[in-house]
Protein backbone atom coordinates (compact mmCIF):
# COMPACT_ATOMS: atom_id res chain seq x y z
CA MET A 1 203.47 288.01 162.52
CA ASN A 2 202.79 286.24 159.24
CA ALA A 3 202.27 282.48 159.10
CA GLN A 4 205.29 280.32 159.78
CA LEU A 5 207.41 279.33 156.80
CA THR A 6 207.31 275.56 156.35
CA LEU A 7 209.71 273.09 154.74
CA ASN A 8 207.26 272.70 151.87
CA GLU A 9 207.33 276.45 151.26
CA LEU A 10 211.10 276.55 151.56
CA ALA A 11 211.38 273.79 148.96
CA ALA A 12 209.05 275.76 146.68
CA LEU A 13 211.17 278.88 147.21
CA MET A 14 214.31 276.92 146.38
CA LYS A 15 212.65 275.99 143.08
CA SER A 16 211.23 279.39 142.22
CA ALA A 17 214.04 281.64 143.41
CA ALA A 18 217.07 279.42 142.77
CA GLY A 19 215.88 276.88 140.18
CA LEU A 20 216.69 273.97 142.51
CA THR A 21 214.33 271.06 142.98
CA VAL A 22 214.46 269.56 146.46
CA ASP A 23 211.92 267.21 147.94
CA PRO A 24 210.44 268.72 151.10
CA LYS A 25 210.70 265.26 152.69
CA GLU A 26 214.47 265.37 152.12
CA LEU A 27 214.62 268.73 153.85
CA ALA A 28 212.60 267.30 156.74
CA ASN A 29 214.85 264.24 156.97
CA ARG A 30 218.02 266.31 156.89
CA PRO A 31 217.22 269.72 158.42
CA ASP A 32 220.81 270.16 159.64
CA ALA A 33 222.44 269.37 156.31
CA THR A 34 223.94 272.44 154.76
CA PHE A 35 222.22 274.24 151.91
CA ALA A 36 225.36 273.43 149.87
CA GLU A 37 224.61 269.72 150.32
CA PHE A 38 221.27 270.36 148.62
CA GLY A 39 222.99 272.33 145.85
CA LEU A 40 221.95 275.79 147.06
CA ASP A 41 224.65 278.43 147.03
CA SER A 42 224.72 281.81 148.79
CA LEU A 43 223.35 283.60 145.71
CA GLY A 44 220.38 281.21 145.64
CA LEU A 45 219.74 281.80 149.34
CA LEU A 46 219.85 285.52 148.73
CA GLY A 47 217.19 285.05 146.03
CA ILE A 48 215.00 283.18 148.54
CA VAL A 49 215.41 285.97 151.09
CA GLY A 50 214.49 288.55 148.44
CA GLU A 51 211.41 286.61 147.41
CA LEU A 52 210.26 286.32 151.01
CA GLU A 53 210.78 290.08 151.49
CA ASN A 54 208.69 290.76 148.42
CA ARG A 55 205.88 288.44 149.54
CA GLN A 56 205.76 289.68 153.10
CA GLY A 57 206.41 293.32 152.38
CA ARG A 58 209.09 293.60 155.05
CA PRO A 59 212.79 292.90 155.40
CA MET A 60 213.97 289.54 156.58
CA PRO A 61 216.41 289.33 159.55
CA THR A 62 219.83 290.69 158.72
CA ASP A 63 221.56 287.29 158.92
CA ALA A 64 218.94 285.31 156.89
CA GLU A 65 221.16 285.06 153.85
CA ARG A 66 224.01 283.70 155.99
CA CYS A 67 222.14 280.70 157.38
CA LYS A 68 223.85 277.40 156.56
CA THR A 69 221.02 274.91 157.07
CA PRO A 70 217.26 274.70 156.49
CA ARG A 71 216.73 274.42 160.28
CA ASP A 72 218.75 277.56 160.97
CA PHE A 73 216.92 279.48 158.25
CA LEU A 74 213.45 278.49 159.35
CA ASP A 75 214.25 279.14 163.02
CA LEU A 76 215.50 282.63 162.13
CA VAL A 77 212.74 283.75 159.80
CA ASN A 78 209.97 282.22 161.91
CA THR A 79 211.08 283.88 165.11
CA ALA A 80 211.84 287.32 163.63
CA PRO A 81 209.64 290.10 164.91
CA GLU A 82 207.26 291.64 162.38
CA SER A 83 208.88 294.99 162.80
CA VAL A 84 212.07 295.92 164.59
CA PRO A 85 211.70 298.94 166.79
CA THR A 86 214.19 301.69 166.19
CA THR A 87 215.95 303.59 168.87
CA GLY A 88 216.09 307.29 168.63
CA ALA A 89 215.76 310.60 170.33
């Protein structure tokens, strides 16, 4: 698995992918505040997910773009397996 995504990196992604400046300390102080409270909408979060997929060369978990808070997002992307095994014959 790649290195864990941090609040600092999430704040940087919010800036680069969604054009939103958020202090990482604010994310740390309010990890359960909704992304909407920080000014990030679903399209911005989708941009963050896309940027992470490009950087890591693999898809993010299916529900990553539906996360409502920084804590939920980091918990999901940091615990996702590197590759998801497929079932088949």
